[in-house]
């Protein structure tokens, strides 16, 4: 989804500053399925204001810099409703964790175990956060559906990690112990040591 549409969606929940909009994509309701940076939010808000889709006012705070507060207009709401008619594209997954796991054979088994433990803790925390939000902020059917979708994904991911962590680590440990550089005699470090010894002689 383009950033201008994301900004309109954020403002549909209420007036907000550019910073508050950014927080919605970092920690708020959109954090798990959309992203927007400061570098893209402010130009998008400027374009939306020029197009009459948002209005802006200046809020003055005691002892604090003035801040611009944005509000969606009727034209902006109509634009958002039109954008919601699109056919969604394929979901894109970007995961440093999965990238590292793809090359798990090249890393120490203990490190892989730590990475999986950390990811399990992350999913546990995410499920706790969803449960807390469900109590603190009851949602309409659309938001409830998205929360349930997130719970299903995190729960399935946790189950997969729990079921497959030990088999993976067992296999990695076996393979790691049989690697040429694991025995201390034939790896690159041993070759370097041999050359150093020969040079000293």
N, C-alpha and C. Protein backbone atom coordinates (compact mmCIF):
# COMPACT_ATOMS: atom_id res chain seq x y z
N UNK A 1 0.85 -1.19 0.00
CA UNK A 1 0.00 0.00 0.00
C UNK A 1 0.89 1.24 0.00
N UNK A 2 0.56 2.24 -0.83
CA UNK A 2 1.40 3.43 -0.89
C UNK A 2 1.26 4.26 0.39
N UNK A 3 2.26 5.10 0.65
CA UNK A 3 2.34 5.80 1.93
C UNK A 3 1.21 6.82 2.09
N UNK A 4 0.80 7.46 1.01
CA UNK A 4 -0.31 8.42 1.13
C UNK A 4 -1.59 7.73 1.60
N UNK A 5 -1.84 6.56 1.08
CA UNK A 5 -3.01 5.81 1.53
C UNK A 5 -2.86 5.39 2.99
N UNK A 6 -1.65 5.00 3.36
CA UNK A 6 -1.40 4.63 4.76
C UNK A 6 -1.63 5.82 5.69
N UNK A 7 -1.22 7.01 5.26
CA UNK A 7 -1.44 8.20 6.08
C UNK A 7 -2.93 8.49 6.24
N UNK A 8 -3.68 8.37 5.15
CA UNK A 8 -5.12 8.58 5.23
C UNK A 8 -5.76 7.57 6.18
N UNK A 9 -5.31 6.33 6.10
CA UNK A 9 -5.85 5.29 6.98
C UNK A 9 -5.56 5.61 8.44
N UNK A 10 -4.34 6.08 8.71
CA UNK A 10 -3.98 6.44 10.08
C UNK A 10 -4.84 7.58 10.59
N UNK A 11 -5.08 8.58 9.74
CA UNK A 11 -5.87 9.73 10.15
C UNK A 11 -7.35 9.41 10.28
N UNK A 12 -7.78 8.32 9.68
CA UNK A 12 -9.18 7.91 9.84
C UNK A 12 -9.47 7.55 11.29
N UNK A 13 -8.44 7.17 12.04
CA UNK A 13 -8.62 6.83 13.46
C UNK A 13 -8.67 8.08 14.33
N UNK A 14 -8.32 9.25 13.77
CA UNK A 14 -8.34 10.49 14.53
C UNK A 14 -7.21 11.41 14.10
N UNK A 15 -7.27 12.66 14.53
CA UNK A 15 -6.22 13.62 14.17
C UNK A 15 -4.89 13.16 14.74
N UNK A 16 -3.80 13.54 14.06
CA UNK A 16 -2.48 13.07 14.50
C UNK A 16 -1.39 13.95 13.90
N UNK A 17 -0.26 13.97 14.57
CA UNK A 17 0.94 14.61 14.02
C UNK A 17 1.67 13.60 13.14
N UNK A 18 2.66 14.09 12.40
CA UNK A 18 3.46 13.17 11.60
C UNK A 18 4.14 12.13 12.46
N UNK A 19 4.62 12.56 13.63
CA UNK A 19 5.29 11.63 14.55
C UNK A 19 4.32 10.56 15.04
N UNK A 20 3.10 10.97 15.37
CA UNK A 20 2.11 10.01 15.86
C UNK A 20 1.72 9.02 14.76
N UNK A 21 1.67 9.49 13.53
CA UNK A 21 1.39 8.58 12.41
C UNK A 21 2.51 7.55 12.29
N UNK A 22 3.75 8.02 12.39
CA UNK A 22 4.88 7.10 12.30
C UNK A 22 4.81 6.04 13.40
N UNK A 23 4.42 6.44 14.61
CA UNK A 23 4.34 5.49 15.72
C UNK A 23 3.27 4.42 15.46
N UNK A 24 2.24 4.78 14.72
CA UNK A 24 1.21 3.78 14.39
C UNK A 24 1.78 2.66 13.54
N UNK A 25 2.82 2.99 12.75
CA UNK A 25 3.43 1.97 11.88
C UNK A 25 4.62 1.30 12.55
N UNK A 26 5.01 1.78 13.72
CA UNK A 26 6.10 1.16 14.47
C UNK A 26 5.58 0.32 15.64
N UNK A 27 4.57 0.83 16.33
CA UNK A 27 4.09 0.16 17.54
C UNK A 27 2.58 0.00 17.57
N UNK A 28 1.89 0.67 16.67
CA UNK A 28 0.44 0.69 16.71
C UNK A 28 -0.22 -0.37 15.87
N UNK A 29 -1.47 -0.10 15.47
CA UNK A 29 -2.27 -1.13 14.80
C UNK A 29 -1.76 -1.58 13.44
N UNK A 30 -0.93 -0.75 12.78
CA UNK A 30 -0.45 -1.11 11.44
C UNK A 30 0.95 -1.73 11.45
N UNK A 31 1.55 -1.84 12.62
CA UNK A 31 2.97 -2.22 12.71
C UNK A 31 3.28 -3.58 12.10
N UNK A 32 2.32 -4.49 12.11
CA UNK A 32 2.59 -5.86 11.70
C UNK A 32 2.38 -6.10 10.20
N UNK A 33 1.80 -5.12 9.50
CA UNK A 33 1.52 -5.41 8.09
C UNK A 33 1.77 -4.25 7.13
N UNK A 34 2.21 -3.10 7.65
CA UNK A 34 2.59 -1.99 6.77
C UNK A 34 3.75 -1.24 7.40
N UNK A 35 4.46 -0.47 6.61
CA UNK A 35 5.57 0.33 7.15
C UNK A 35 5.59 1.68 6.45
N UNK A 36 6.07 2.68 7.18
CA UNK A 36 6.20 4.02 6.63
C UNK A 36 7.25 4.76 7.44
N UNK A 37 8.15 5.45 6.78
CA UNK A 37 9.24 6.15 7.45
C UNK A 37 8.96 7.65 7.47
N UNK A 38 9.70 8.37 8.34
CA UNK A 38 9.58 9.82 8.37
C UNK A 38 9.84 10.41 6.99
N UNK A 39 10.83 9.85 6.30
CA UNK A 39 11.22 10.37 5.00
C UNK A 39 10.13 10.27 3.95
N UNK A 40 9.17 9.38 4.16
CA UNK A 40 8.07 9.23 3.21
C UNK A 40 6.75 9.80 3.75
N UNK A 41 6.60 9.85 5.08
CA UNK A 41 5.35 10.33 5.67
C UNK A 41 5.14 11.82 5.42
N UNK A 42 6.15 12.63 5.72
CA UNK A 42 5.96 14.08 5.61
C UNK A 42 5.74 14.56 4.17
N UNK A 43 6.49 14.06 3.17
CA UNK A 43 6.17 14.43 1.79
C UNK A 43 4.76 13.99 1.38
N UNK A 44 4.33 12.84 1.89
CA UNK A 44 2.99 12.35 1.56
C UNK A 44 1.92 13.25 2.19
N UNK A 45 2.14 13.68 3.43
CA UNK A 45 1.19 14.58 4.09
C UNK A 45 1.12 15.92 3.36
N UNK A 46 2.27 16.40 2.90
CA UNK A 46 2.29 17.66 2.14
C UNK A 46 1.49 17.52 0.85
N UNK A 47 1.68 16.41 0.15
CA UNK A 47 0.94 16.17 -1.09
C UNK A 47 -0.56 16.04 -0.82
N UNK A 48 -0.91 15.36 0.26
CA UNK A 48 -2.32 15.19 0.61
C UNK A 48 -2.96 16.53 0.97
N UNK A 49 -2.21 17.38 1.66
CA UNK A 49 -2.73 18.70 2.03
C UNK A 49 -2.98 19.54 0.77
N UNK A 50 -2.03 19.51 -0.16
CA UNK A 50 -2.18 20.28 -1.40
C UNK A 50 -3.37 19.78 -2.22
N UNK A 51 -3.65 18.48 -2.10
CA UNK A 51 -4.78 17.89 -2.84
C UNK A 51 -6.10 18.06 -2.10
N UNK A 52 -6.06 18.67 -0.91
CA UNK A 52 -7.28 18.89 -0.14
C UNK A 52 -7.79 17.66 0.58
N UNK A 53 -6.94 16.65 0.72
CA UNK A 53 -7.37 15.41 1.37
C UNK A 53 -7.11 15.39 2.87
N UNK A 54 -6.25 16.28 3.33
CA UNK A 54 -6.06 16.48 4.77
C UNK A 54 -5.98 17.98 5.02
N UNK A 55 -6.35 18.36 6.22
CA UNK A 55 -6.15 19.74 6.66
C UNK A 55 -5.12 19.72 7.77
N UNK A 56 -4.50 20.87 8.02
CA UNK A 56 -3.45 20.93 9.03
C UNK A 56 -3.63 22.17 9.88
N UNK A 57 -3.39 22.03 11.17
CA UNK A 57 -3.40 23.16 12.09
C UNK A 57 -2.15 23.09 12.95
N UNK A 58 -1.83 24.18 13.58
CA UNK A 58 -0.63 24.23 14.42
C UNK A 58 -1.04 24.22 15.89
N UNK A 59 -0.51 23.27 16.63
CA UNK A 59 -0.78 23.17 18.06
C UNK A 59 0.41 23.73 18.82
N UNK A 60 0.13 24.64 19.74
CA UNK A 60 1.18 25.26 20.53
C UNK A 60 1.20 24.65 21.92
N UNK A 61 2.36 24.19 22.34
CA UNK A 61 2.50 23.61 23.67
C UNK A 61 3.43 24.45 24.52
N UNK A 62 3.13 24.56 25.80
CA UNK A 62 3.96 25.36 26.70
C UNK A 62 5.34 24.72 26.84
N UNK A 63 6.35 25.50 26.51
CA UNK A 63 7.72 25.02 26.65
C UNK A 63 8.13 23.99 25.62
N UNK A 64 7.27 23.77 24.63
CA UNK A 64 7.59 22.79 23.59
C UNK A 64 7.40 23.41 22.21
N UNK A 65 8.11 22.91 21.22
CA UNK A 65 7.96 23.46 19.86
C UNK A 65 6.54 23.25 19.34
N UNK A 66 6.09 24.16 18.50
CA UNK A 66 4.79 23.99 17.86
C UNK A 66 4.81 22.73 17.00
N UNK A 67 3.66 22.11 16.85
CA UNK A 67 3.58 20.91 16.02
C UNK A 67 2.37 20.98 15.11
N UNK A 68 2.50 20.38 13.95
CA UNK A 68 1.43 20.35 12.97
C UNK A 68 0.54 19.13 13.23
N UNK A 69 -0.76 19.39 13.29
CA UNK A 69 -1.73 18.32 13.53
C UNK A 69 -2.57 18.16 12.26
N UNK A 70 -2.65 16.93 11.77
CA UNK A 70 -3.34 16.66 10.51
C UNK A 70 -4.69 15.99 10.77
N UNK A 71 -5.67 16.35 9.93
CA UNK A 71 -7.02 15.78 10.03
C UNK A 71 -7.46 15.39 8.62
N UNK A 72 -8.06 14.22 8.50
CA UNK A 72 -8.55 13.79 7.19
C UNK A 72 -9.80 14.58 6.83
N UNK A 73 -9.93 14.96 5.56
CA UNK A 73 -11.11 15.68 5.08
C UNK A 73 -12.07 14.70 4.41
N UNK A 74 -13.22 15.21 4.00
CA UNK A 74 -14.18 14.36 3.30
C UNK A 74 -13.58 13.86 1.99
N UNK A 75 -12.81 14.72 1.32
CA UNK A 75 -12.15 14.30 0.08
C UNK A 75 -11.13 13.20 0.37
N UNK A 76 -10.44 13.32 1.48
CA UNK A 76 -9.47 12.29 1.86
C UNK A 76 -10.15 10.98 2.20
N UNK A 77 -11.28 11.07 2.88
CA UNK A 77 -12.03 9.86 3.21
C UNK A 77 -12.53 9.17 1.94
N UNK A 78 -13.01 9.96 0.99
CA UNK A 78 -13.49 9.38 -0.27
C UNK A 78 -12.33 8.72 -1.02
N UNK A 79 -11.16 9.36 -0.99
CA UNK A 79 -9.97 8.78 -1.64
C UNK A 79 -9.59 7.46 -0.99
N UNK A 80 -9.64 7.42 0.34
CA UNK A 80 -9.29 6.18 1.05
C UNK A 80 -10.27 5.06 0.70
N UNK A 81 -11.56 5.38 0.68
CA UNK A 81 -12.56 4.37 0.35
C UNK A 81 -12.33 3.82 -1.06
N UNK A 82 -11.92 4.70 -1.97
CA UNK A 82 -11.62 4.24 -3.34
C UNK A 82 -10.41 3.32 -3.35
N UNK A 83 -9.37 3.68 -2.58
CA UNK A 83 -8.16 2.86 -2.51
C UNK A 83 -8.44 1.49 -1.92
N UNK A 84 -9.42 1.40 -1.04
CA UNK A 84 -9.75 0.12 -0.41
C UNK A 84 -10.39 -0.85 -1.39
N UNK A 85 -10.70 -0.38 -2.60
CA UNK A 85 -11.31 -1.24 -3.61
C UNK A 85 -10.27 -2.03 -4.41
N UNK A 86 -8.98 -1.79 -4.16
CA UNK A 86 -7.95 -2.46 -4.96
C UNK A 86 -7.91 -3.96 -4.67
N UNK A 87 -7.36 -4.70 -5.61
CA UNK A 87 -7.08 -6.11 -5.39
C UNK A 87 -5.72 -6.21 -4.71
N UNK A 88 -5.65 -6.81 -3.53
CA UNK A 88 -4.36 -6.84 -2.82
C UNK A 88 -3.32 -7.67 -3.55
N UNK A 89 -2.08 -7.22 -3.49
CA UNK A 89 -0.99 -7.99 -4.07
C UNK A 89 -0.56 -9.11 -3.14
N UNK A 90 0.46 -9.84 -3.55
CA UNK A 90 0.98 -10.92 -2.72
C UNK A 90 1.66 -10.35 -1.48
N UNK A 91 1.49 -11.02 -0.35
CA UNK A 91 2.18 -10.60 0.87
C UNK A 91 3.68 -10.80 0.69
N UNK A 92 4.45 -9.87 1.21
CA UNK A 92 5.90 -9.96 1.14
C UNK A 92 6.47 -10.12 2.54
N UNK A 93 7.27 -11.15 2.72
CA UNK A 93 7.86 -11.42 4.03
C UNK A 93 9.33 -11.04 4.00
N UNK A 94 9.74 -10.20 4.91
CA UNK A 94 11.14 -9.83 5.09
C UNK A 94 11.53 -10.23 6.49
N UNK A 95 12.43 -11.18 6.63
CA UNK A 95 12.78 -11.70 7.95
C UNK A 95 14.27 -11.96 8.05
N UNK A 96 14.96 -11.19 8.89
CA UNK A 96 16.37 -11.47 9.16
C UNK A 96 16.53 -12.84 9.80
N UNK A 97 15.57 -13.21 10.64
CA UNK A 97 15.63 -14.51 11.31
C UNK A 97 15.65 -15.64 10.30
N UNK A 98 14.73 -15.62 9.34
CA UNK A 98 14.68 -16.69 8.35
C UNK A 98 15.91 -16.69 7.46
N UNK A 99 16.45 -15.50 7.18
CA UNK A 99 17.69 -15.42 6.40
C UNK A 99 18.82 -16.11 7.14
N UNK A 100 18.95 -15.85 8.43
CA UNK A 100 20.00 -16.49 9.22
C UNK A 100 19.78 -18.00 9.33
N UNK A 101 18.52 -18.40 9.48
CA UNK A 101 18.23 -19.83 9.60
C UNK A 101 18.52 -20.56 8.29
N UNK A 102 18.37 -19.88 7.17
CA UNK A 102 18.66 -20.48 5.87
C UNK A 102 20.11 -20.93 5.81
N UNK A 103 20.99 -20.20 6.49
CA UNK A 103 22.41 -20.52 6.50
C UNK A 103 22.85 -21.09 7.85
N UNK A 104 21.96 -21.82 8.50
CA UNK A 104 22.26 -22.32 9.84
C UNK A 104 23.43 -23.30 9.86
N UNK A 105 23.66 -24.00 8.73
CA UNK A 105 24.78 -24.96 8.69
C UNK A 105 26.13 -24.26 8.81
N UNK A 106 26.17 -22.97 8.50
CA UNK A 106 27.43 -22.23 8.53
C UNK A 106 27.69 -21.59 9.89
N UNK A 107 26.79 -21.81 10.84
CA UNK A 107 26.91 -21.18 12.15
C UNK A 107 26.96 -22.24 13.25
N UNK A 108 27.45 -21.84 14.41
CA UNK A 108 27.54 -22.76 15.54
C UNK A 108 26.14 -23.16 16.01
N UNK A 109 25.93 -24.43 16.34
CA UNK A 109 24.61 -24.86 16.82
C UNK A 109 24.11 -24.06 18.01
N UNK A 110 25.02 -23.69 18.93
CA UNK A 110 24.60 -22.91 20.10
C UNK A 110 23.99 -21.58 19.68
N UNK A 111 24.58 -20.97 18.67
CA UNK A 111 24.04 -19.69 18.19
C UNK A 111 22.66 -19.88 17.59
N UNK A 112 22.49 -20.94 16.82
CA UNK A 112 21.18 -21.21 16.22
C UNK A 112 20.15 -21.45 17.32
N UNK A 113 20.54 -22.19 18.35
CA UNK A 113 19.63 -22.41 19.47
C UNK A 113 19.23 -21.11 20.14
N UNK A 114 20.18 -20.20 20.30
CA UNK A 114 19.88 -18.90 20.90
C UNK A 114 18.93 -18.10 20.02
N UNK A 115 19.16 -18.14 18.71
CA UNK A 115 18.29 -17.41 17.79
C UNK A 115 16.85 -17.92 17.86
N UNK A 116 16.70 -19.23 17.93
CA UNK A 116 15.35 -19.80 18.01
C UNK A 116 14.71 -19.45 19.34
N UNK A 117 15.47 -19.52 20.43
CA UNK A 117 14.93 -19.14 21.74
C UNK A 117 14.46 -17.69 21.75
N UNK A 118 15.25 -16.82 21.14
CA UNK A 118 14.88 -15.40 21.08
C UNK A 118 13.61 -15.20 20.26
N UNK A 119 13.50 -15.94 19.17
CA UNK A 119 12.31 -15.79 18.32
C UNK A 119 11.07 -16.34 19.02
N UNK A 120 11.23 -17.42 19.76
CA UNK A 120 10.10 -17.96 20.52
C UNK A 120 9.65 -16.95 21.58
N UNK A 121 10.60 -16.30 22.23
CA UNK A 121 10.26 -15.29 23.23
C UNK A 121 9.54 -14.11 22.58
N UNK A 122 9.98 -13.75 21.37
CA UNK A 122 9.33 -12.66 20.64
C UNK A 122 7.88 -13.00 20.32
N UNK A 123 7.64 -14.22 19.84
CA UNK A 123 6.27 -14.62 19.52
C UNK A 123 5.41 -14.71 20.78
N UNK A 124 5.98 -15.20 21.87
CA UNK A 124 5.26 -15.24 23.14
C UNK A 124 4.82 -13.84 23.55
N UNK A 125 5.76 -12.89 23.45
CA UNK A 125 5.45 -11.51 23.82
C UNK A 125 4.39 -10.92 22.90
N UNK A 126 4.48 -11.22 21.61
CA UNK A 126 3.49 -10.71 20.66
C UNK A 126 2.09 -11.22 20.99
N UNK A 127 1.99 -12.49 21.37
CA UNK A 127 0.69 -13.05 21.75
C UNK A 127 0.18 -12.41 23.02
N UNK A 128 1.08 -12.15 23.97
CA UNK A 128 0.67 -11.47 25.21
C UNK A 128 0.17 -10.06 24.89
N UNK A 129 0.85 -9.38 23.97
CA UNK A 129 0.45 -8.02 23.59
C UNK A 129 -0.94 -8.02 22.96
N UNK A 130 -1.20 -8.99 22.09
CA UNK A 130 -2.51 -9.07 21.45
C UNK A 130 -3.59 -9.33 22.49
N UNK A 131 -3.31 -10.24 23.42
CA UNK A 131 -4.29 -10.53 24.47
C UNK A 131 -4.57 -9.30 25.32
N UNK A 132 -3.52 -8.52 25.61
CA UNK A 132 -3.70 -7.31 26.42
C UNK A 132 -4.54 -6.28 25.66
N UNK A 133 -4.25 -6.10 24.37
CA UNK A 133 -4.98 -5.12 23.57
C UNK A 133 -6.44 -5.53 23.44
N UNK A 134 -6.70 -6.82 23.33
CA UNK A 134 -8.09 -7.29 23.22
C UNK A 134 -8.91 -6.90 24.44
N UNK A 135 -8.25 -6.87 25.60
CA UNK A 135 -8.95 -6.49 26.84
C UNK A 135 -9.06 -4.98 26.95
N UNK A 136 -7.96 -4.28 26.64
CA UNK A 136 -7.92 -2.83 26.83
C UNK A 136 -8.63 -2.06 25.73
N UNK A 137 -8.63 -2.60 24.51
CA UNK A 137 -9.19 -1.88 23.37
C UNK A 137 -10.05 -2.81 22.52
N UNK A 138 -11.26 -3.09 22.98
CA UNK A 138 -12.15 -3.93 22.17
C UNK A 138 -12.32 -3.32 20.78
N UNK A 139 -12.32 -4.19 19.76
CA UNK A 139 -12.32 -3.71 18.38
C UNK A 139 -13.57 -4.15 17.63
N UNK A 140 -13.79 -3.46 16.51
CA UNK A 140 -14.86 -3.86 15.62
C UNK A 140 -14.48 -5.13 14.88
N UNK A 141 -15.38 -5.63 14.03
CA UNK A 141 -15.14 -6.92 13.37
C UNK A 141 -13.89 -6.95 12.50
N UNK A 142 -13.58 -5.85 11.82
CA UNK A 142 -12.39 -5.83 10.95
C UNK A 142 -11.10 -5.96 11.74
N UNK A 143 -10.96 -5.14 12.76
CA UNK A 143 -9.75 -5.19 13.59
C UNK A 143 -9.66 -6.52 14.34
N UNK A 144 -10.81 -7.01 14.80
CA UNK A 144 -10.81 -8.29 15.51
C UNK A 144 -10.34 -9.41 14.59
N UNK A 145 -10.74 -9.35 13.32
CA UNK A 145 -10.30 -10.36 12.35
C UNK A 145 -8.79 -10.32 12.19
N UNK A 146 -8.23 -9.10 12.05
CA UNK A 146 -6.79 -8.96 11.86
C UNK A 146 -6.04 -9.45 13.10
N UNK A 147 -6.54 -9.11 14.28
CA UNK A 147 -5.90 -9.61 15.50
C UNK A 147 -5.92 -11.13 15.55
N UNK A 148 -7.06 -11.71 15.19
CA UNK A 148 -7.16 -13.16 15.19
C UNK A 148 -6.22 -13.79 14.18
N UNK A 149 -6.05 -13.14 13.04
CA UNK A 149 -5.12 -13.62 12.02
C UNK A 149 -3.70 -13.61 12.57
N UNK A 150 -3.34 -12.52 13.25
CA UNK A 150 -2.02 -12.44 13.87
C UNK A 150 -1.81 -13.51 14.91
N UNK A 151 -2.82 -13.74 15.74
CA UNK A 151 -2.71 -14.79 16.76
C UNK A 151 -2.50 -16.15 16.12
N UNK A 152 -3.21 -16.42 15.03
CA UNK A 152 -3.07 -17.71 14.36
C UNK A 152 -1.66 -17.90 13.81
N UNK A 153 -1.09 -16.84 13.23
CA UNK A 153 0.26 -16.93 12.67
C UNK A 153 1.29 -17.13 13.77
N UNK A 154 1.21 -16.32 14.82
CA UNK A 154 2.19 -16.43 15.91
C UNK A 154 2.09 -17.78 16.62
N UNK A 155 0.87 -18.25 16.81
CA UNK A 155 0.68 -19.54 17.48
C UNK A 155 1.26 -20.67 16.64
N UNK A 156 1.00 -20.63 15.33
CA UNK A 156 1.53 -21.67 14.44
C UNK A 156 3.06 -21.60 14.38
N UNK A 157 3.61 -20.39 14.35
CA UNK A 157 5.07 -20.24 14.31
C UNK A 157 5.70 -20.77 15.59
N UNK A 158 5.09 -20.48 16.72
CA UNK A 158 5.60 -20.99 18.00
C UNK A 158 5.59 -22.51 18.02
N UNK A 159 4.49 -23.09 17.55
CA UNK A 159 4.38 -24.55 17.53
C UNK A 159 5.45 -25.15 16.62
N UNK A 160 5.68 -24.53 15.48
CA UNK A 160 6.70 -25.04 14.55
C UNK A 160 8.08 -24.98 15.18
N UNK A 161 8.42 -23.86 15.80
CA UNK A 161 9.74 -23.73 16.43
C UNK A 161 9.90 -24.74 17.56
N UNK A 162 8.85 -24.91 18.34
CA UNK A 162 8.90 -25.86 19.45
C UNK A 162 9.11 -27.29 18.95
N UNK A 163 8.41 -27.65 17.88
CA UNK A 163 8.48 -29.02 17.36
C UNK A 163 9.80 -29.30 16.63
N UNK A 164 10.40 -28.27 16.06
CA UNK A 164 11.55 -28.49 15.17
C UNK A 164 12.89 -28.01 15.71
N UNK A 165 12.89 -27.33 16.84
CA UNK A 165 14.15 -26.82 17.37
C UNK A 165 15.13 -27.94 17.69
N UNK A 166 14.70 -28.93 18.45
CA UNK A 166 15.60 -30.02 18.85
C UNK A 166 16.09 -30.84 17.65
N UNK A 167 15.19 -31.29 16.75
CA UNK A 167 15.69 -32.03 15.58
C UNK A 167 16.71 -31.25 14.77
N UNK A 168 16.48 -29.95 14.59
CA UNK A 168 17.42 -29.14 13.82
C UNK A 168 18.77 -29.06 14.54
N UNK A 169 18.74 -28.78 15.84
CA UNK A 169 19.99 -28.64 16.59
C UNK A 169 20.74 -29.96 16.66
N UNK A 170 20.01 -31.08 16.77
CA UNK A 170 20.67 -32.39 16.78
C UNK A 170 21.41 -32.62 15.46
N UNK A 171 20.74 -32.31 14.36
CA UNK A 171 21.36 -32.51 13.05
C UNK A 171 22.54 -31.57 12.85
N UNK A 172 22.38 -30.31 13.27
CA UNK A 172 23.48 -29.36 13.13
C UNK A 172 24.68 -29.75 13.98
N UNK A 173 24.41 -30.26 15.18
CA UNK A 173 25.50 -30.68 16.06
C UNK A 173 26.27 -31.84 15.46
N UNK A 174 25.54 -32.80 14.89
CA UNK A 174 26.18 -33.95 14.25
C UNK A 174 27.03 -33.50 13.07
N UNK A 175 26.44 -32.66 12.23
CA UNK A 175 27.17 -32.19 11.04
C UNK A 175 28.34 -31.29 11.41
N UNK A 176 28.15 -30.48 12.44
CA UNK A 176 29.21 -29.56 12.87
C UNK A 176 30.41 -30.34 13.38
N UNK A 177 30.14 -31.44 14.10
CA UNK A 177 31.23 -32.24 14.64
C UNK A 177 32.01 -32.97 13.59
N UNK A 178 31.38 -33.19 12.41
CA UNK A 178 32.06 -33.91 11.34
C UNK A 178 32.69 -32.99 10.31
N UNK A 179 32.55 -31.67 10.48
CA UNK A 179 33.16 -30.74 9.54
C UNK A 179 34.67 -30.81 9.64
N UNK A 180 35.38 -30.63 8.51
CA UNK A 180 36.84 -30.71 8.52
C UNK A 180 37.48 -29.73 9.49
N UNK A 181 36.86 -28.55 9.68
CA UNK A 181 37.48 -27.55 10.55
C UNK A 181 37.06 -27.68 11.99
N UNK A 182 36.24 -28.71 12.32
CA UNK A 182 35.76 -28.86 13.69
C UNK A 182 36.67 -29.72 14.54
N UNK A 183 37.54 -30.50 13.90
CA UNK A 183 38.37 -31.40 14.67
C UNK A 183 39.70 -30.82 15.08
N UNK A 184 40.03 -29.68 14.55
CA UNK A 184 41.25 -29.00 14.95
C UNK A 184 42.47 -29.44 14.18
N UNK A 185 42.32 -30.33 13.15
CA UNK A 185 43.51 -30.81 12.47
C UNK A 185 43.60 -30.44 11.01
N UNK A 186 42.47 -30.22 10.34
CA UNK A 186 42.51 -30.07 8.90
C UNK A 186 41.91 -28.77 8.39
N UNK A 187 41.41 -27.94 9.28
CA UNK A 187 40.73 -26.71 8.86
C UNK A 187 41.71 -25.62 8.49
N UNK A 188 41.18 -24.45 8.07
CA UNK A 188 42.01 -23.33 7.67
C UNK A 188 42.89 -22.82 8.79
N UNK A 189 42.38 -22.85 10.04
CA UNK A 189 43.19 -22.40 11.17
C UNK A 189 44.40 -23.30 11.36
N UNK A 190 44.17 -24.63 11.21
CA UNK A 190 45.27 -25.57 11.38
C UNK A 190 46.31 -25.36 10.28
N UNK A 191 45.84 -25.09 9.04
CA UNK A 191 46.77 -24.85 7.94
C UNK A 191 47.61 -23.61 8.21
N UNK A 192 46.96 -22.57 8.75
CA UNK A 192 47.69 -21.34 9.07
C UNK A 192 48.73 -21.60 10.15
N UNK A 193 48.36 -22.41 11.17
CA UNK A 193 49.30 -22.73 12.24
C UNK A 193 50.50 -23.50 11.70
N UNK A 194 50.24 -24.44 10.76
CA UNK A 194 51.33 -25.23 10.20
C UNK A 194 52.30 -24.34 9.43
N UNK A 195 51.75 -23.38 8.65
CA UNK A 195 52.61 -22.48 7.90
C UNK A 195 53.44 -21.60 8.83
N UNK A 196 52.80 -21.17 9.93
CA UNK A 196 53.52 -20.34 10.90
C UNK A 196 54.67 -21.10 11.53
N UNK A 197 54.41 -22.39 11.86
CA UNK A 197 55.44 -23.22 12.47
C UNK A 197 56.59 -23.45 11.51
N UNK A 198 56.26 -23.72 10.23
CA UNK A 198 57.30 -23.96 9.23
C UNK A 198 58.16 -22.72 9.03
N UNK A 199 57.53 -21.54 9.04
CA UNK A 199 58.28 -20.31 8.86
C UNK A 199 59.23 -20.08 10.03
N UNK A 200 58.76 -20.43 11.24
CA UNK A 200 59.60 -20.23 12.43
C UNK A 200 60.80 -21.16 12.40
N UNK A 201 60.64 -22.35 11.80
CA UNK A 201 61.75 -23.31 11.74
C UNK A 201 62.77 -22.87 10.70
